[in-house]
Amino acid sequence: MPSHRLLRVRELLKREIGEAIRRELPVHQAGLVTVSDVDVTGDLKSARVFISLLGNPEQKKVAVDMLSKNRGRIQSLMAKSVVLKNTPKLKFVFDESMIRGNRVLAIIEELEKDLPKE
């Protein structure tokens, strides 16, 4: 189990990276990009940023390209607002849990329609 300090750092990074992404990626081009979680190594040298994308397929493709190009800028903005001994190197990972969750809810809804009403 991660330490209390590491949990606080994760939440702080999640908030600040989300804010940096909001400022750097225009919603009309990249869709809605949200940070769902951040996983930081114990030495704080690297962080996996789990992101969710809402938008059409073209916006998702643009968002992937923009995140790749702007990784350094987002990391720099995060480093200015979060003072740590080591600034974690960011790696963006797409979190598919929202898509899977919506699919499960749709399946449950279909099953409920098929049930006989009493």
C-alpha atoms as a PDB file:
ATOM      1  CA  MET A   1       0.000   0.000   0.000  1.00  0.00           C
ATOM      2  CA  PRO A   2       1.395   3.413  -0.932  1.00  0.00           C
ATOM      3  CA  SER A   3       2.337   5.807   1.837  1.00  0.00           C
ATOM      4  CA  HIS A   4       0.111   8.694   2.853  1.00  0.00           C
ATOM      5  CA  ARG A   5       2.618  11.143   1.349  1.00  0.00           C
ATOM      6  CA  LEU A   6       2.641   9.317  -1.987  1.00  0.00           C
ATOM      7  CA  LEU A   7      -1.163   9.373  -2.083  1.00  0.00           C
ATOM      8  CA  ARG A   8      -1.154  13.137  -1.490  1.00  0.00           C
ATOM      9  CA  VAL A   9       1.455  13.637  -4.229  1.00  0.00           C
ATOM     10  CA  ARG A  10      -0.626  11.547  -6.649  1.00  0.00           C
ATOM     11  CA  GLU A  11      -3.731  13.648  -6.013  1.00  0.00           C
ATOM     12  CA  LEU A  12      -1.782  16.883  -6.350  1.00  0.00           C
ATOM     13  CA  LEU A  13      -0.227  15.748  -9.631  1.00  0.00           C
ATOM     14  CA  LYS A  14      -3.621  14.612 -10.913  1.00  0.00           C
ATOM     15  CA  ARG A  15      -5.130  18.026 -10.241  1.00  0.00           C
ATOM     16  CA  GLU A  16      -2.227  20.052 -11.665  1.00  0.00           C
ATOM     17  CA  ILE A  17      -1.725  17.891 -14.783  1.00  0.00           C
ATOM     18  CA  GLY A  18      -5.465  18.094 -15.469  1.00  0.00           C
ATOM     19  CA  GLU A  19      -5.298  21.869 -15.197  1.00  0.00           C
ATOM     20  CA  ALA A  20      -2.272  22.030 -17.528  1.00  0.00           C
ATOM     21  CA  ILE A  21      -4.020  19.814 -20.085  1.00  0.00           C
ATOM     22  CA  ARG A  22      -7.127  21.983 -19.874  1.00  0.00           C
ATOM     23  CA  ARG A  23      -5.035  25.071 -20.669  1.00  0.00           C
ATOM     24  CA  GLU A  24      -2.947  23.480 -23.446  1.00  0.00           C
ATOM     25  CA  LEU A  25      -5.469  21.379 -25.404  1.00  0.00           C
ATOM     26  CA  PRO A  26      -8.429  23.224 -26.950  1.00  0.00           C
ATOM     27  CA  VAL A  27     -11.663  21.297 -26.404  1.00  0.00           C
ATOM     28  CA  HIS A  28     -13.026  22.022 -29.885  1.00  0.00           C
ATOM     29  CA  GLN A  29      -9.979  20.288 -31.432  1.00  0.00           C
ATOM     30  CA  ALA A  30      -9.115  17.527 -28.954  1.00  0.00           C
ATOM     31  CA  GLY A  31     -12.453  16.810 -27.300  1.00  0.00           C
ATOM     32  CA  LEU A  32     -12.744  16.567 -23.540  1.00  0.00           C
ATOM     33  CA  VAL A  33      -9.553  15.162 -22.007  1.00  0.00           C
ATOM     34  CA  THR A  34      -9.723  14.260 -18.319  1.00  0.00           C
ATOM     35  CA  VAL A  35      -7.106  12.846 -15.968  1.00  0.00           C
ATOM     36  CA  SER A  36      -8.631   9.859 -14.182  1.00  0.00           C
ATOM     37  CA  ASP A  37      -5.590   8.795 -12.149  1.00  0.00           C
ATOM     38  CA  VAL A  38      -1.832   9.223 -11.760  1.00  0.00           C
ATOM     39  CA  ASP A  39       0.494   6.385 -10.763  1.00  0.00           C
ATOM     40  CA  VAL A  40       3.835   7.635  -9.430  1.00  0.00           C
ATOM     41  CA  THR A  41       6.930   5.565  -8.727  1.00  0.00           C
ATOM     42  CA  GLY A  42       8.287   5.634  -5.184  1.00  0.00           C
ATOM     43  CA  ASP A  43      11.282   7.786  -6.149  1.00  0.00           C
ATOM     44  CA  LEU A  44       8.993  10.270  -7.971  1.00  0.00           C
ATOM     45  CA  LYS A  45      11.054  10.053 -11.160  1.00  0.00           C
ATOM     46  CA  SER A  46       8.258   8.858 -13.438  1.00  0.00           C
ATOM     47  CA  ALA A  47       4.487   8.990 -13.502  1.00  0.00           C
ATOM     48  CA  ARG A  48       1.862   7.269 -15.615  1.00  0.00           C
ATOM     49  CA  VAL A  49      -1.049   9.603 -16.261  1.00  0.00           C
ATOM     50  CA  PHE A  50      -4.306   7.782 -17.008  1.00  0.00           C
ATOM     51  CA  ILE A  51      -6.505   9.896 -19.256  1.00  0.00           C
ATOM     52  CA  SER A  52     -10.008   9.521 -20.650  1.00  0.00           C
ATOM     53  CA  LEU A  53     -11.107  11.094 -23.906  1.00  0.00           C
ATOM     54  CA  LEU A  54     -14.633  12.099 -24.820  1.00  0.00           C
ATOM     55  CA  GLY A  55     -15.234  13.156 -28.378  1.00  0.00           C
ATOM     56  CA  ASN A  56     -15.491  11.877 -31.900  1.00  0.00           C
ATOM     57  CA  PRO A  57     -12.761   9.643 -33.394  1.00  0.00           C
ATOM     58  CA  GLU A  58     -11.107  12.596 -35.158  1.00  0.00           C
ATOM     59  CA  GLN A  59     -10.877  14.530 -31.873  1.00  0.00           C
ATOM     60  CA  LYS A  60      -9.371  11.498 -30.147  1.00  0.00           C
ATOM     61  CA  LYS A  61      -6.682  11.234 -32.826  1.00  0.00           C
ATOM     62  CA  VAL A  62      -5.916  14.955 -32.503  1.00  0.00           C
ATOM     63  CA  ALA A  63      -5.774  14.614 -28.694  1.00  0.00           C
ATOM     64  CA  VAL A  64      -3.242  11.767 -28.939  1.00  0.00           C
ATOM     65  CA  ASP A  65      -1.038  13.839 -31.242  1.00  0.00           C
ATOM     66  CA  MET A  66      -1.325  16.958 -29.092  1.00  0.00           C
ATOM     67  CA  LEU A  67      -0.517  15.075 -25.876  1.00  0.00           C
ATOM     68  CA  SER A  68       2.572  13.586 -27.515  1.00  0.00           C
ATOM     69  CA  LYS A  69       3.759  16.960 -28.798  1.00  0.00           C
ATOM     70  CA  ASN A  70       2.948  18.894 -25.623  1.00  0.00           C
ATOM     71  CA  ARG A  71       4.216  16.354 -23.058  1.00  0.00           C
ATOM     72  CA  GLY A  72       7.242  18.491 -22.209  1.00  0.00           C
ATOM     73  CA  ARG A  73       5.187  21.670 -21.920  1.00  0.00           C
ATOM     74  CA  ILE A  74       2.591  19.971 -19.683  1.00  0.00           C
ATOM     75  CA  GLN A  75       5.409  18.517 -17.564  1.00  0.00           C
ATOM     76  CA  SER A  76       6.997  21.975 -17.288  1.00  0.00           C
ATOM     77  CA  LEU A  77       3.723  23.630 -16.240  1.00  0.00           C
ATOM     78  CA  MET A  78       3.166  20.888 -13.657  1.00  0.00           C
ATOM     79  CA  ALA A  79       6.719  21.326 -12.322  1.00  0.00           C
ATOM     80  CA  LYS A  80       6.162  25.064 -11.804  1.00  0.00           C
ATOM     81  CA  SER A  81       3.072  24.502  -9.670  1.00  0.00           C
ATOM     82  CA  VAL A  82       4.220  21.349  -7.813  1.00  0.00           C
ATOM     83  CA  VAL A  83       7.580  21.724  -6.089  1.00  0.00           C
ATOM     84  CA  LEU A  84       9.244  18.320  -5.714  1.00  0.00           C
ATOM     85  CA  LYS A  85      12.862  17.212  -5.472  1.00  0.00           C
ATOM     86  CA  ASN A  86      12.449  15.274  -8.730  1.00  0.00           C
ATOM     87  CA  THR A  87       9.983  16.279 -11.412  1.00  0.00           C
ATOM     88  CA  PRO A  88       8.352  13.074 -12.639  1.00  0.00           C
ATOM     89  CA  LYS A  89       8.647  12.270 -16.332  1.00  0.00           C
ATOM     90  CA  LEU A  90       5.089  11.939 -17.604  1.00  0.00           C
ATOM     91  CA  LYS A  91       3.798   9.061 -19.674  1.00  0.00           C
ATOM     92  CA  PHE A  92       0.208   9.258 -20.907  1.00  0.00           C
ATOM     93  CA  VAL A  93      -1.867   6.059 -20.832  1.00  0.00           C
ATOM     94  CA  PHE A  94      -5.442   5.872 -22.085  1.00  0.00           C
ATOM     95  CA  ASP A  95      -7.920   4.683 -19.482  1.00  0.00           C
ATOM     96  CA  GLU A  96     -10.629   2.620 -21.121  1.00  0.00           C
ATOM     97  CA  SER A  97     -12.589   2.046 -17.886  1.00  0.00           C
ATOM     98  CA  MET A  98     -15.250   4.645 -18.757  1.00  0.00           C
ATOM     99  CA  ILE A  99     -15.906   3.001 -22.126  1.00  0.00           C
ATOM    100  CA  ARG A 100     -16.102  -0.444 -20.522  1.00  0.00           C
ATOM    101  CA  GLY A 101     -18.383   0.912 -17.780  1.00  0.00           C
ATOM    102  CA  ASN A 102     -20.755   2.431 -20.332  1.00  0.00           C
ATOM    103  CA  ARG A 103     -20.820  -0.867 -22.217  1.00  0.00           C
ATOM    104  CA  VAL A 104     -21.708  -2.779 -19.037  1.00  0.00           C
ATOM    105  CA  LEU A 105     -24.491  -0.290 -18.244  1.00  0.00           C
ATOM    106  CA  ALA A 106     -25.896  -0.693 -21.770  1.00  0.00           C
ATOM    107  CA  ILE A 107     -25.892  -4.488 -21.385  1.00  0.00           C
ATOM    108  CA  ILE A 108     -27.678  -4.251 -18.026  1.00  0.00           C
ATOM    109  CA  GLU A 109     -30.241  -1.890 -19.548  1.00  0.00           C
ATOM    110  CA  GLU A 110     -30.882  -4.355 -22.391  1.00  0.00           C
ATOM    111  CA  LEU A 111     -31.306  -7.218 -19.915  1.00  0.00           C
ATOM    112  CA  GLU A 112     -33.799  -5.189 -17.876  1.00  0.00           C
ATOM    113  CA  LYS A 113     -35.869  -4.531 -21.020  1.00  0.00           C
ATOM    114  CA  ASP A 114     -36.125  -8.281 -21.635  1.00  0.00           C
ATOM    115  CA  LEU A 115     -37.410  -9.047 -18.125  1.00  0.00           C
ATOM    116  CA  PRO A 116     -41.165  -9.651 -17.867  1.00  0.00           C
ATOM    117  CA  LYS A 117     -43.002  -6.876 -16.034  1.00  0.00           C
ATOM    118  CA  GLU A 118     -45.123  -7.834 -13.085  1.00  0.00           C
END
